[in-house]
Amino acid sequence: MRALIVDGSRFVRDYVRGLLEEKGIECEEAADGRAGLERLESSPAFDLALVDWNMPVMNGVEMLCHLRGAGFRDLKVLMVTTEAENDFIIRALECGADEYLMKPFDEEALSEKLAMLGLAEA
């Protein structure tokens, strides 16, 4: 399985990479939404994208809207963010996020979301 971690924070990308690699998931990274889209378009064989909301250049929801409009329908997208208001969650889901995970999170919370997406056991 391959995952793309799209987050403006190097710390968060490293943290998520460590959790996913412990599960045997191959990871690549991008620091903003535009770079994430470019990575997906150049190598579309990803199973999962973990996307932050607040990033420079292109935010996560903008990236998500572009993704779904460009035909990445089979890609599972987990929105990973600090945005906790219902309006933000609804907007992300309406734009095509498959699940939503609040920061900060631990390995157990991530595992539960991966299981909900059908990508791993909880």
PDB file of N, CA and C in Angstrom:
ATOM      1  N   MET A   1       0.841  -1.173   0.000  1.00  0.00           N
ATOM      2  CA  MET A   1       0.000   0.000   0.000  1.00  0.00           C
ATOM      3  C   MET A   1       0.892   1.244   0.000  1.00  0.00           C
ATOM      4  N   ARG A   2       0.435   2.282  -0.715  1.00  0.00           N
ATOM      5  CA  ARG A   2       1.189   3.537  -0.794  1.00  0.00           C
ATOM      6  C   ARG A   2       0.337   4.686  -0.289  1.00  0.00           C
ATOM      7  N   ALA A   3       0.960   5.548   0.491  1.00  0.00           N
ATOM      8  CA  ALA A   3       0.274   6.721   1.035  1.00  0.00           C
ATOM      9  C   ALA A   3       1.062   7.976   0.709  1.00  0.00           C
ATOM     10  N   LEU A   4       0.323   9.058   0.459  1.00  0.00           N
ATOM     11  CA  LEU A   4       0.915  10.372   0.279  1.00  0.00           C
ATOM     12  C   LEU A   4       0.506  11.224   1.467  1.00  0.00           C
ATOM     13  N   ILE A   5       1.487  11.766   2.176  1.00  0.00           N
ATOM     14  CA  ILE A   5       1.254  12.629   3.334  1.00  0.00           C
ATOM     15  C   ILE A   5       1.449  14.065   2.873  1.00  0.00           C
ATOM     16  N   VAL A   6       0.375  14.868   2.950  1.00  0.00           N
ATOM     17  CA  VAL A   6       0.429  16.244   2.486  1.00  0.00           C
ATOM     18  C   VAL A   6       0.163  17.152   3.685  1.00  0.00           C
ATOM     19  N   ASP A   7       1.216  17.786   4.173  1.00  0.00           N
ATOM     20  CA  ASP A   7       1.104  18.634   5.357  1.00  0.00           C
ATOM     21  C   ASP A   7       2.227  19.664   5.324  1.00  0.00           C
ATOM     22  N   GLY A   8       1.910  20.882   5.720  1.00  0.00           N
ATOM     23  CA  GLY A   8       2.903  21.941   5.724  1.00  0.00           C
ATOM     24  C   GLY A   8       3.951  21.811   6.810  1.00  0.00           C
ATOM     25  N   SER A   9       3.729  20.941   7.780  1.00  0.00           N
ATOM     26  CA  SER A   9       4.650  20.771   8.903  1.00  0.00           C
ATOM     27  C   SER A   9       5.549  19.552   8.701  1.00  0.00           C
ATOM     28  N   ARG A  10       6.837  19.781   8.670  1.00  0.00           N
ATOM     29  CA  ARG A  10       7.806  18.677   8.568  1.00  0.00           C
ATOM     30  C   ARG A  10       7.623  17.720   9.743  1.00  0.00           C
ATOM     31  N   PHE A  11       7.406  18.257  10.948  1.00  0.00           N
ATOM     32  CA  PHE A  11       7.210  17.424  12.134  1.00  0.00           C
ATOM     33  C   PHE A  11       6.029  16.476  11.946  1.00  0.00           C
ATOM     34  N   VAL A  12       4.912  16.997  11.480  1.00  0.00           N
ATOM     35  CA  VAL A  12       3.724  16.164  11.282  1.00  0.00           C
ATOM     36  C   VAL A  12       3.977  15.116  10.205  1.00  0.00           C
ATOM     37  N   ARG A  13       4.591  15.515   9.104  1.00  0.00           N
ATOM     38  CA  ARG A  13       4.884  14.540   8.040  1.00  0.00           C
ATOM     39  C   ARG A  13       5.765  13.414   8.566  1.00  0.00           C
ATOM     40  N   ASP A  14       6.789  13.745   9.344  1.00  0.00           N
ATOM     41  CA  ASP A  14       7.667  12.720   9.910  1.00  0.00           C
ATOM     42  C   ASP A  14       6.913  11.810  10.878  1.00  0.00           C
ATOM     43  N   TYR A  15       6.062  12.404  11.713  1.00  0.00           N
ATOM     44  CA  TYR A  15       5.282  11.638  12.688  1.00  0.00           C
ATOM     45  C   TYR A  15       4.345  10.646  11.985  1.00  0.00           C
ATOM     46  N   VAL A  16       3.600  11.146  11.001  1.00  0.00           N
ATOM     47  CA  VAL A  16       2.654  10.289  10.285  1.00  0.00           C
ATOM     48  C   VAL A  16       3.398   9.213   9.499  1.00  0.00           C
ATOM     49  N   ARG A  17       4.495   9.591   8.871  1.00  0.00           N
ATOM     50  CA  ARG A  17       5.300   8.614   8.131  1.00  0.00           C
ATOM     51  C   ARG A  17       5.733   7.476   9.050  1.00  0.00           C
ATOM     52  N   GLY A  18       6.208   7.818  10.248  1.00  0.00           N
ATOM     53  CA  GLY A  18       6.639   6.792  11.186  1.00  0.00           C
ATOM     54  C   GLY A  18       5.512   5.837  11.553  1.00  0.00           C
ATOM     55  N   LEU A  19       4.324   6.380  11.806  1.00  0.00           N
ATOM     56  CA  LEU A  19       3.174   5.531  12.153  1.00  0.00           C
ATOM     57  C   LEU A  19       2.785   4.615  10.995  1.00  0.00           C
ATOM     58  N   LEU A  20       2.765   5.167   9.788  1.00  0.00           N
ATOM     59  CA  LEU A  20       2.356   4.370   8.626  1.00  0.00           C
ATOM     60  C   LEU A  20       3.407   3.328   8.248  1.00  0.00           C
ATOM     61  N   GLU A  21       4.671   3.710   8.311  1.00  0.00           N
ATOM     62  CA  GLU A  21       5.721   2.753   7.950  1.00  0.00           C
ATOM     63  C   GLU A  21       5.775   1.584   8.917  1.00  0.00           C
ATOM     64  N   GLU A  22       5.416   1.810  10.190  1.00  0.00           N
ATOM     65  CA  GLU A  22       5.325   0.700  11.144  1.00  0.00           C
ATOM     66  C   GLU A  22       4.259  -0.306  10.722  1.00  0.00           C
ATOM     67  N   LYS A  23       3.288   0.134   9.954  1.00  0.00           N
ATOM     68  CA  LYS A  23       2.223  -0.728   9.451  1.00  0.00           C
ATOM     69  C   LYS A  23       2.567  -1.310   8.080  1.00  0.00           C
ATOM     70  N   GLY A  24       3.763  -1.042   7.609  1.00  0.00           N
ATOM     71  CA  GLY A  24       4.189  -1.562   6.319  1.00  0.00           C
ATOM     72  C   GLY A  24       3.695  -0.756   5.130  1.00  0.00           C
ATOM     73  N   ILE A  25       3.274   0.470   5.360  1.00  0.00           N
ATOM     74  CA  ILE A  25       2.761   1.315   4.294  1.00  0.00           C
ATOM     75  C   ILE A  25       3.894   2.185   3.752  1.00  0.00           C
ATOM     76  N   GLU A  26       4.108   2.134   2.466  1.00  0.00           N
ATOM     77  CA  GLU A  26       5.119   2.960   1.803  1.00  0.00           C
ATOM     78  C   GLU A  26       4.609   4.391   1.733  1.00  0.00           C
ATOM     79  N   CYS A  27       5.455   5.358   2.061  1.00  0.00           N
ATOM     80  CA  CYS A  27       5.020   6.753   2.150  1.00  0.00           C
ATOM     81  C   CYS A  27       5.851   7.684   1.283  1.00  0.00           C
ATOM     82  N   GLU A  28       5.169   8.682   0.740  1.00  0.00           N
ATOM     83  CA  GLU A  28       5.808   9.824   0.110  1.00  0.00           C
ATOM     84  C   GLU A  28       5.186  11.063   0.730  1.00  0.00           C
ATOM     85  N   GLU A  29       5.837  12.207   0.537  1.00  0.00           N
ATOM     86  CA  GLU A  29       5.393  13.428   1.205  1.00  0.00           C
ATOM     87  C   GLU A  29       5.323  14.605   0.247  1.00  0.00           C
ATOM     88  N   ALA A  30       4.478  15.566   0.636  1.00  0.00           N
ATOM     89  CA  ALA A  30       4.418  16.860  -0.036  1.00  0.00           C
ATOM     90  C   ALA A  30       4.107  17.901   1.023  1.00  0.00           C
ATOM     91  N   ALA A  31       4.659  19.114   0.852  1.00  0.00           N
ATOM     92  CA  ALA A  31       4.526  20.158   1.870  1.00  0.00           C
ATOM     93  C   ALA A  31       3.344  21.097   1.641  1.00  0.00           C
ATOM     94  N   ASP A  32       2.657  20.952   0.503  1.00  0.00           N
ATOM     95  CA  ASP A  32       1.474  21.784   0.261  1.00  0.00           C
ATOM     96  C   ASP A  32       0.578  21.091  -0.759  1.00  0.00           C
ATOM     97  N   GLY A  33      -0.624  21.630  -0.918  1.00  0.00           N
ATOM     98  CA  GLY A  33      -1.608  20.998  -1.786  1.00  0.00           C
ATOM     99  C   GLY A  33      -1.183  20.911  -3.247  1.00  0.00           C
ATOM    100  N   ARG A  34      -0.563  21.954  -3.755  1.00  0.00           N
ATOM    101  CA  ARG A  34      -0.129  21.931  -5.160  1.00  0.00           C
ATOM    102  C   ARG A  34       0.929  20.850  -5.379  1.00  0.00           C
ATOM    103  N   ALA A  35       1.906  20.776  -4.462  1.00  0.00           N
ATOM    104  CA  ALA A  35       2.938  19.738  -4.580  1.00  0.00           C
ATOM    105  C   ALA A  35       2.317  18.351  -4.447  1.00  0.00           C
ATOM    106  N   GLY A  36       1.301  18.229  -3.591  1.00  0.00           N
ATOM    107  CA  GLY A  36       0.602  16.953  -3.445  1.00  0.00           C
ATOM    108  C   GLY A  36      -0.095  16.540  -4.734  1.00  0.00           C
ATOM    109  N   LEU A  37      -0.786  17.480  -5.367  1.00  0.00           N
ATOM    110  CA  LEU A  37      -1.439  17.185  -6.646  1.00  0.00           C
ATOM    111  C   LEU A  37      -0.428  16.766  -7.702  1.00  0.00           C
ATOM    112  N   GLU A  38       0.691  17.490  -7.762  1.00  0.00           N
ATOM    113  CA  GLU A  38       1.724  17.156  -8.744  1.00  0.00           C
ATOM    114  C   GLU A  38       2.259  15.748  -8.512  1.00  0.00           C
ATOM    115  N   ARG A  39       2.456  15.383  -7.239  1.00  0.00           N
ATOM    116  CA  ARG A  39       2.957  14.048  -6.924  1.00  0.00           C
ATOM    117  C   ARG A  39       1.945  12.983  -7.356  1.00  0.00           C
ATOM    118  N   LEU A  40       0.667  13.218  -7.076  1.00  0.00           N
ATOM    119  CA  LEU A  40      -0.371  12.257  -7.457  1.00  0.00           C
ATOM    120  C   LEU A  40      -0.511  12.142  -8.975  1.00  0.00           C
ATOM    121  N   GLU A  41      -0.421  13.260  -9.669  1.00  0.00           N
ATOM    122  CA  GLU A  41      -0.552  13.234 -11.127  1.00  0.00           C
ATOM    123  C   GLU A  41       0.636  12.550 -11.787  1.00  0.00           C
ATOM    124  N   SER A  42       1.826  12.674 -11.208  1.00  0.00           N
ATOM    125  CA  SER A  42       3.007  12.057 -11.811  1.00  0.00           C
ATOM    126  C   SER A  42       3.134  10.579 -11.437  1.00  0.00           C
ATOM    127  N   SER A  43       2.511  10.187 -10.334  1.00  0.00           N
ATOM    128  CA  SER A  43       2.579   8.797  -9.877  1.00  0.00           C
ATOM    129  C   SER A  43       1.251   8.451  -9.204  1.00  0.00           C
ATOM    130  N   PRO A  44       0.231   8.129  -9.998  1.00  0.00           N
ATOM    131  CA  PRO A  44      -1.115   7.966  -9.445  1.00  0.00           C
ATOM    132  C   PRO A  44      -1.372   6.668  -8.675  1.00  0.00           C
ATOM    133  N   ALA A  45      -0.372   5.848  -8.460  1.00  0.00           N
ATOM    134  CA  ALA A  45      -0.586   4.557  -7.814  1.00  0.00           C
ATOM    135  C   ALA A  45      -0.590   4.647  -6.291  1.00  0.00           C
ATOM    136  N   PHE A  46      -1.283   5.646  -5.746  1.00  0.00           N
ATOM    137  CA  PHE A  46      -1.420   5.778  -4.301  1.00  0.00           C
ATOM    138  C   PHE A  46      -2.779   5.228  -3.890  1.00  0.00           C
ATOM    139  N   ASP A  47      -2.815   4.632  -2.702  1.00  0.00           N
ATOM    140  CA  ASP A  47      -4.063   4.108  -2.156  1.00  0.00           C
ATOM    141  C   ASP A  47      -4.714   5.094  -1.198  1.00  0.00           C
ATOM    142  N   LEU A  48      -3.892   5.960  -0.595  1.00  0.00           N
ATOM    143  CA  LEU A  48      -4.352   6.831   0.470  1.00  0.00           C
ATOM    144  C   LEU A  48      -3.607   8.161   0.404  1.00  0.00           C
ATOM    145  N   ALA A  49      -4.344   9.240   0.659  1.00  0.00           N
ATOM    146  CA  ALA A  49      -3.725  10.555   0.851  1.00  0.00           C
ATOM    147  C   ALA A  49      -4.196  11.086   2.194  1.00  0.00           C
ATOM    148  N   LEU A  50      -3.252  11.488   3.029  1.00  0.00           N
ATOM    149  CA  LEU A  50      -3.553  12.137   4.306  1.00  0.00           C
ATOM    150  C   LEU A  50      -3.261  13.611   4.095  1.00  0.00           C
ATOM    151  N   VAL A  51      -4.293  14.438   4.163  1.00  0.00           N
ATOM    152  CA  VAL A  51      -4.191  15.822   3.730  1.00  0.00           C
ATOM    153  C   VAL A  51      -4.562  16.772   4.860  1.00  0.00           C
ATOM    154  N   ASP A  52      -3.665  17.714   5.147  1.00  0.00           N
ATOM    155  CA  ASP A  52      -3.938  18.754   6.131  1.00  0.00           C
ATOM    156  C   ASP A  52      -4.814  19.824   5.499  1.00  0.00           C
ATOM    157  N   TRP A  53      -5.565  20.529   6.314  1.00  0.00           N
ATOM    158  CA  TRP A  53      -6.409  21.614   5.819  1.00  0.00           C
ATOM    159  C   TRP A  53      -5.580  22.863   5.544  1.00  0.00           C
ATOM    160  N   ASN A  54      -4.836  23.316   6.545  1.00  0.00           N
ATOM    161  CA  ASN A  54      -4.121  24.595   6.488  1.00  0.00           C
ATOM    162  C   ASN A  54      -2.693  24.397   5.992  1.00  0.00           C
ATOM    163  N   MET A  55      -2.472  24.783   4.724  1.00  0.00           N
ATOM    164  CA  MET A  55      -1.143  24.673   4.132  1.00  0.00           C
ATOM    165  C   MET A  55      -0.900  25.871   3.239  1.00  0.00           C
ATOM    166  N   PRO A  56       0.376  26.172   2.997  1.00  0.00           N
ATOM    167  CA  PRO A  56       0.682  27.260   2.060  1.00  0.00           C
ATOM    168  C   PRO A  56       0.368  26.842   0.627  1.00  0.00           C
ATOM    169  N   VAL A  57       0.336  27.777  -0.263  1.00  0.00           N
ATOM    170  CA  VAL A  57       0.166  27.613  -1.714  1.00  0.00           C
ATOM    171  C   VAL A  57      -1.247  27.142  -2.069  1.00  0.00           C
ATOM    172  N   MET A  58      -1.639  25.964  -1.615  1.00  0.00           N
ATOM    173  CA  MET A  58      -2.981  25.424  -1.863  1.00  0.00           C
ATOM    174  C   MET A  58      -3.398  24.651  -0.627  1.00  0.00           C
ATOM    175  N   ASN A  59      -4.545  25.018  -0.037  1.00  0.00           N
ATOM    176  CA  ASN A  59      -4.966  24.320   1.181  1.00  0.00           C
ATOM    177  C   ASN A  59      -5.549  22.947   0.849  1.00  0.00           C
ATOM    178  N   GLY A  60      -5.831  22.183   1.885  1.00  0.00           N
ATOM    179  CA  GLY A  60      -6.274  20.810   1.714  1.00  0.00           C
ATOM    180  C   GLY A  60      -7.617  20.667   1.027  1.00  0.00           C
ATOM    181  N   VAL A  61      -8.548  21.565   1.303  1.00  0.00           N
ATOM    182  CA  VAL A  61      -9.859  21.469   0.660  1.00  0.00           C
ATOM    183  C   VAL A  61      -9.749  21.816  -0.819  1.00  0.00           C
ATOM    184  N   GLU A  62      -8.948  22.820  -1.155  1.00  0.00           N
ATOM    185  CA  GLU A  62      -8.720  23.130  -2.568  1.00  0.00           C
ATOM    186  C   GLU A  62      -8.090  21.938  -3.284  1.00  0.00           C
ATOM    187  N   MET A  63      -7.124  21.313  -2.628  1.00  0.00           N
ATOM    188  CA  MET A  63      -6.492  20.135  -3.206  1.00  0.00           C
ATOM    189  C   MET A  63      -7.516  19.029  -3.413  1.00  0.00           C
ATOM    190  N   LEU A  64      -8.341  18.815  -2.422  1.00  0.00           N
ATOM    191  CA  LEU A  64      -9.355  17.767  -2.482  1.00  0.00           C
ATOM    192  C   LEU A  64     -10.334  18.004  -3.628  1.00  0.00           C
ATOM    193  N   CYS A  65     -10.796  19.229  -3.790  1.00  0.00           N
ATOM    194  CA  CYS A  65     -11.719  19.556  -4.883  1.00  0.00           C
ATOM    195  C   CYS A  65     -11.064  19.293  -6.241  1.00  0.00           C
ATOM    196  N   HIS A  66      -9.787  19.657  -6.389  1.00  0.00           N
ATOM    197  CA  HIS A  66      -9.074  19.375  -7.631  1.00  0.00           C
ATOM    198  C   HIS A  66      -8.930  17.875  -7.855  1.00  0.00           C
ATOM    199  N   LEU A  67      -8.605  17.157  -6.794  1.00  0.00           N
ATOM    200  CA  LEU A  67      -8.425  15.703  -6.888  1.00  0.00           C
ATOM    201  C   LEU A  67      -9.675  15.018  -7.407  1.00  0.00           C
ATOM    202  N   ARG A  68     -10.783  15.306  -6.761  1.00  0.00           N
ATOM    203  CA  ARG A  68     -12.031  14.638  -7.128  1.00  0.00           C
ATOM    204  C   ARG A  68     -12.477  15.058  -8.524  1.00  0.00           C
ATOM    205  N   GLY A  69     -12.199  16.300  -8.902  1.00  0.00           N
ATOM    206  CA  GLY A  69     -12.539  16.751 -10.246  1.00  0.00           C
ATOM    207  C   GLY A  69     -11.644  16.158 -11.316  1.00  0.00           C
ATOM    208  N   ALA A  70     -10.451  15.724 -10.923  1.00  0.00           N
ATOM    209  CA  ALA A  70      -9.491  15.169 -11.883  1.00  0.00           C
ATOM    210  C   ALA A  70      -9.607  13.653 -12.013  1.00  0.00           C
ATOM    211  N   GLY A  71     -10.575  13.062 -11.368  1.00  0.00           N
ATOM    212  CA  GLY A  71     -10.813  11.633 -11.547  1.00  0.00           C
ATOM    213  C   GLY A  71     -10.149  10.707 -10.552  1.00  0.00           C
ATOM    214  N   PHE A  72      -9.628  11.228  -9.464  1.00  0.00           N
ATOM    215  CA  PHE A  72      -9.011  10.371  -8.451  1.00  0.00           C
ATOM    216  C   PHE A  72     -10.094   9.841  -7.503  1.00  0.00           C
ATOM    217  N   ARG A  73     -11.071   9.170  -8.055  1.00  0.00           N
ATOM    218  CA  ARG A  73     -12.222   8.717  -7.279  1.00  0.00           C
ATOM    219  C   ARG A  73     -11.891   7.536  -6.364  1.00  0.00           C
ATOM    220  N   ASP A  74     -10.942   6.699  -6.754  1.00  0.00           N
ATOM    221  CA  ASP A  74     -10.608   5.509  -5.961  1.00  0.00           C
ATOM    222  C   ASP A  74      -9.627   5.798  -4.833  1.00  0.00           C
ATOM    223  N   LEU A  75      -8.988   6.939  -4.879  1.00  0.00           N
ATOM    224  CA  LEU A  75      -8.028   7.318  -3.841  1.00  0.00           C
ATOM    225  C   LEU A  75      -8.772   7.631  -2.549  1.00  0.00           C
ATOM    226  N   LYS A  76      -8.404   6.983  -1.460  1.00  0.00           N
ATOM    227  CA  LYS A  76      -8.985   7.291  -0.158  1.00  0.00           C
ATOM    228  C   LYS A  76      -8.291   8.529   0.390  1.00  0.00           C
ATOM    229  N   VAL A  77      -9.091   9.490   0.865  1.00  0.00           N
ATOM    230  CA  VAL A  77      -8.528  10.734   1.394  1.00  0.00           C
ATOM    231  C   VAL A  77      -8.962  10.897   2.842  1.00  0.00           C
ATOM    232  N   LEU A  78      -7.966  11.019   3.699  1.00  0.00           N
ATOM    233  CA  LEU A  78      -8.176  11.263   5.118  1.00  0.00           C
ATOM    234  C   LEU A  78      -7.741  12.695   5.410  1.00  0.00           C
ATOM    235  N   MET A  79      -8.702  13.557   5.726  1.00  0.00           N
ATOM    236  CA  MET A  79      -8.394  14.941   6.081  1.00  0.00           C
ATOM    237  C   MET A  79      -7.872  14.936   7.512  1.00  0.00           C
ATOM    238  N   VAL A  80      -6.665  15.426   7.710  1.00  0.00           N
ATOM    239  CA  VAL A  80      -6.005  15.419   9.015  1.00  0.00           C
ATOM    240  C   VAL A  80      -5.727  16.873   9.400  1.00  0.00           C
ATOM    241  N   THR A  81      -6.433  17.372  10.427  1.00  0.00           N
ATOM    242  CA  THR A  81      -6.348  18.810  10.684  1.00  0.00           C
ATOM    243  C   THR A  81      -6.727  19.180  12.108  1.00  0.00           C
ATOM    244  N   THR A  82      -6.488  20.430  12.433  1.00  0.00           N
ATOM    245  CA  THR A  82      -6.907  20.971  13.731  1.00  0.00           C
ATOM    246  C   THR A  82      -8.263  21.650  13.641  1.00  0.00           C
ATOM    247  N   GLU A  83      -8.815  21.783  12.447  1.00  0.00           N
ATOM    248  CA  GLU A  83     -10.111  22.441  12.261  1.00  0.00           C
ATOM    249  C   GLU A  83     -11.210  21.551  12.838  1.00  0.00           C
ATOM    250  N   ALA A  84     -11.819  21.992  13.938  1.00  0.00           N
ATOM    251  CA  ALA A  84     -12.767  21.150  14.664  1.00  0.00           C
ATOM    252  C   ALA A  84     -14.226  21.559  14.500  1.00  0.00           C
ATOM    253  N   GLU A  85     -14.487  22.708  13.916  1.00  0.00           N
ATOM    254  CA  GLU A  85     -15.868  23.164  13.793  1.00  0.00           C
ATOM    255  C   GLU A  85     -16.623  22.308  12.780  1.00  0.00           C
ATOM    256  N   ASN A  86     -17.891  22.061  13.070  1.00  0.00           N
ATOM    257  CA  ASN A  86     -18.714  21.224  12.198  1.00  0.00           C
ATOM    258  C   ASN A  86     -18.726  21.719  10.761  1.00  0.00           C
ATOM    259  N   ASP A  87     -18.745  23.048  10.563  1.00  0.00           N
ATOM    260  CA  ASP A  87     -18.769  23.588   9.203  1.00  0.00           C
ATOM    261  C   ASP A  87     -17.543  23.159   8.405  1.00  0.00           C
ATOM    262  N   PHE A  88     -16.385  23.113   9.047  1.00  0.00           N
ATOM    263  CA  PHE A  88     -15.166  22.676   8.373  1.00  0.00           C
ATOM    264  C   PHE A  88     -15.247  21.192   8.018  1.00  0.00           C
ATOM    265  N   ILE A  89     -15.712  20.396   8.950  1.00  0.00           N
ATOM    266  CA  ILE A  89     -15.824  18.955   8.721  1.00  0.00           C
ATOM    267  C   ILE A  89     -16.795  18.677   7.576  1.00  0.00           C
ATOM    268  N   ILE A  90     -17.945  19.324   7.612  1.00  0.00           N
ATOM    269  CA  ILE A  90     -18.946  19.129   6.555  1.00  0.00           C
ATOM    270  C   ILE A  90     -18.379  19.544   5.203  1.00  0.00           C
ATOM    271  N   ARG A  91     -17.689  20.669   5.172  1.00  0.00           N
ATOM    272  CA  ARG A  91     -17.109  21.140   3.902  1.00  0.00           C
ATOM    273  C   ARG A  91     -16.110  20.139   3.341  1.00  0.00           C
ATOM    274  N   ALA A  92     -15.241  19.612   4.208  1.00  0.00           N
ATOM    275  CA  ALA A  92     -14.251  18.635   3.751  1.00  0.00           C
ATOM    276  C   ALA A  92     -14.937  17.379   3.208  1.00  0.00           C
ATOM    277  N   LEU A  93     -15.945  16.898   3.906  1.00  0.00           N
ATOM    278  CA  LEU A  93     -16.654  15.699   3.459  1.00  0.00           C
ATOM    279  C   LEU A  93     -17.414  15.964   2.161  1.00  0.00           C
ATOM    280  N   GLU A  94     -18.013  17.135   2.037  1.00  0.00           N
ATOM    281  CA  GLU A  94     -18.720  17.489   0.802  1.00  0.00           C
ATOM    282  C   GLU A  94     -17.768  17.591  -0.387  1.00  0.00           C
ATOM    283  N   CYS A  95     -16.534  18.001  -0.136  1.00  0.00           N
ATOM    284  CA  CYS A  95     -15.539  18.107  -1.206  1.00  0.00           C
ATOM    285  C   CYS A  95     -14.933  16.758  -1.567  1.00  0.00           C
ATOM    286  N   GLY A  96     -15.232  15.736  -0.783  1.00  0.00           N
ATOM    287  CA  GLY A  96     -14.787  14.397  -1.151  1.00  0.00           C
ATOM    288  C   GLY A  96     -13.871  13.694  -0.184  1.00  0.00           C
ATOM    289  N   ALA A  97     -13.633  14.263   0.997  1.00  0.00           N
ATOM    290  CA  ALA A  97     -12.833  13.533   1.987  1.00  0.00           C
ATOM    291  C   ALA A  97     -13.598  12.274   2.395  1.00  0.00           C
ATOM    292  N   ASP A  98     -12.886  11.178   2.555  1.00  0.00           N
ATOM    293  CA  ASP A  98     -13.529   9.934   2.971  1.00  0.00           C
ATOM    294  C   ASP A  98     -13.665   9.848   4.484  1.00  0.00           C
ATOM    295  N   GLU A  99     -12.733  10.452   5.193  1.00  0.00           N
ATOM    296  CA  GLU A  99     -12.760  10.481   6.667  1.00  0.00           C
ATOM    297  C   GLU A  99     -12.045  11.739   7.125  1.00  0.00           C
ATOM    298  N   TYR A 100     -12.162  12.000   8.420  1.00  0.00           N
ATOM    299  CA  TYR A 100     -11.659  13.227   9.019  1.00  0.00           C
ATOM    300  C   TYR A 100     -10.995  12.855  10.339  1.00  0.00           C
ATOM    301  N   LEU A 101      -9.753  13.257  10.547  1.00  0.00           N
ATOM    302  CA  LEU A 101      -9.016  12.926  11.765  1.00  0.00           C
ATOM    303  C   LEU A 101      -8.482  14.208  12.389  1.00  0.00           C
ATOM    304  N   MET A 102      -8.817  14.416  13.654  1.00  0.00           N
ATOM    305  CA  MET A 102      -8.407  15.628  14.359  1.00  0.00           C
ATOM    306  C   MET A 102      -6.981  15.504  14.898  1.00  0.00           C
ATOM    307  N   LYS A 103      -6.194  16.569  14.725  1.00  0.00           N
ATOM    308  CA  LYS A 103      -4.878  16.669  15.353  1.00  0.00           C
ATOM    309  C   LYS A 103      -5.074  17.242  16.754  1.00  0.00           C
ATOM    310  N   PRO A 104      -4.269  16.866  17.712  1.00  0.00           N
ATOM    311  CA  PRO A 104      -3.271  15.798  17.632  1.00  0.00           C
ATOM    312  C   PRO A 104      -3.951  14.432  17.723  1.00  0.00           C
ATOM    313  N   PHE A 105      -3.296  13.427  17.184  1.00  0.00           N
ATOM    314  CA  PHE A 105      -3.842  12.078  17.219  1.00  0.00           C
ATOM    315  C   PHE A 105      -2.715  11.097  17.513  1.00  0.00           C
ATOM    316  N   ASP A 106      -3.109   9.909  17.912  1.00  0.00           N
ATOM    317  CA  ASP A 106      -2.122   8.872  18.206  1.00  0.00           C
ATOM    318  C   ASP A 106      -2.285   7.705  17.238  1.00  0.00           C
ATOM    319  N   GLU A 107      -1.468   6.690  17.423  1.00  0.00           N
ATOM    320  CA  GLU A 107      -1.474   5.536  16.536  1.00  0.00           C
ATOM    321  C   GLU A 107      -2.826   4.836  16.541  1.00  0.00           C
ATOM    322  N   GLU A 108      -3.450   4.754  17.693  1.00  0.00           N
ATOM    323  CA  GLU A 108      -4.748   4.076  17.791  1.00  0.00           C
ATOM    324  C   GLU A 108      -5.819   4.799  16.974  1.00  0.00           C
ATOM    325  N   ALA A 109      -5.882   6.115  17.080  1.00  0.00           N
ATOM    326  CA  ALA A 109      -6.868   6.891  16.325  1.00  0.00           C
ATOM    327  C   ALA A 109      -6.631   6.742  14.818  1.00  0.00           C
ATOM    328  N   LEU A 110      -5.379   6.786  14.390  1.00  0.00           N
ATOM    329  CA  LEU A 110      -5.064   6.615  12.977  1.00  0.00           C
ATOM    330  C   LEU A 110      -5.454   5.211  12.510  1.00  0.00           C
ATOM    331  N   SER A 111      -5.159   4.209  13.311  1.00  0.00           N
ATOM    332  CA  SER A 111      -5.512   2.834  12.961  1.00  0.00           C
ATOM    333  C   SER A 111      -7.017   2.667  12.794  1.00  0.00           C
ATOM    334  N   GLU A 112      -7.775   3.295  13.677  1.00  0.00           N
ATOM    335  CA  GLU A 112      -9.239   3.220  13.583  1.00  0.00           C
ATOM    336  C   GLU A 112      -9.727   3.835  12.278  1.00  0.00           C
ATOM    337  N   LYS A 113      -9.172   4.966  11.899  1.00  0.00           N
ATOM    338  CA  LYS A 113      -9.577   5.609  10.649  1.00  0.00           C
ATOM    339  C   LYS A 113      -9.180   4.766   9.441  1.00  0.00           C
ATOM    340  N   LEU A 114      -7.985   4.174   9.460  1.00  0.00           N
ATOM    341  CA  LEU A 114      -7.567   3.313   8.358  1.00  0.00           C
ATOM    342  C   LEU A 114      -8.503   2.119   8.232  1.00  0.00           C
ATOM    343  N   ALA A 115      -8.921   1.559   9.359  1.00  0.00           N
ATOM    344  CA  ALA A 115      -9.867   0.436   9.339  1.00  0.00           C
ATOM    345  C   ALA A 115     -11.214   0.886   8.772  1.00  0.00           C
ATOM    346  N   MET A 116     -11.664   2.076   9.156  1.00  0.00           N
ATOM    347  CA  MET A 116     -12.924   2.593   8.631  1.00  0.00           C
ATOM    348  C   MET A 116     -12.869   2.774   7.114  1.00  0.00           C
ATOM    349  N   LEU A 117     -11.688   3.060   6.602  1.00  0.00           N
ATOM    350  CA  LEU A 117     -11.499   3.227   5.166  1.00  0.00           C
ATOM    351  C   LEU A 117     -11.268   1.890   4.449  1.00  0.00           C
ATOM    352  N   GLY A 118     -11.214   0.808   5.224  1.00  0.00           N
ATOM    353  CA  GLY A 118     -10.979  -0.501   4.640  1.00  0.00           C
ATOM    354  C   GLY A 118      -9.537  -0.730   4.233  1.00  0.00           C
ATOM    355  N   LEU A 119      -8.610   0.006   4.854  1.00  0.00           N
ATOM    356  CA  LEU A 119      -7.203  -0.076   4.482  1.00  0.00           C
ATOM    357  C   LEU A 119      -6.338  -0.839   5.475  1.00  0.00           C
ATOM    358  N   ALA A 120      -6.876  -1.126   6.660  1.00  0.00           N
ATOM    359  CA  ALA A 120      -6.093  -1.842   7.678  1.00  0.00           C
ATOM    360  C   ALA A 120      -7.039  -2.297   8.775  1.00  0.00           C
ATOM    361  N   GLU A 121      -6.567  -3.211   9.581  1.00  0.00           N
ATOM    362  CA  GLU A 121      -7.348  -3.624  10.741  1.00  0.00           C
ATOM    363  C   GLU A 121      -7.143  -2.633  11.868  1.00  0.00           C
ATOM    364  N   ALA A 122      -8.176  -2.428  12.669  1.00  0.00           N
ATOM    365  CA  ALA A 122      -8.073  -1.497  13.811  1.00  0.00           C
ATOM    366  C   ALA A 122      -7.225  -2.092  14.901  1.00  0.00           C
TER     367      ALA A 122
END
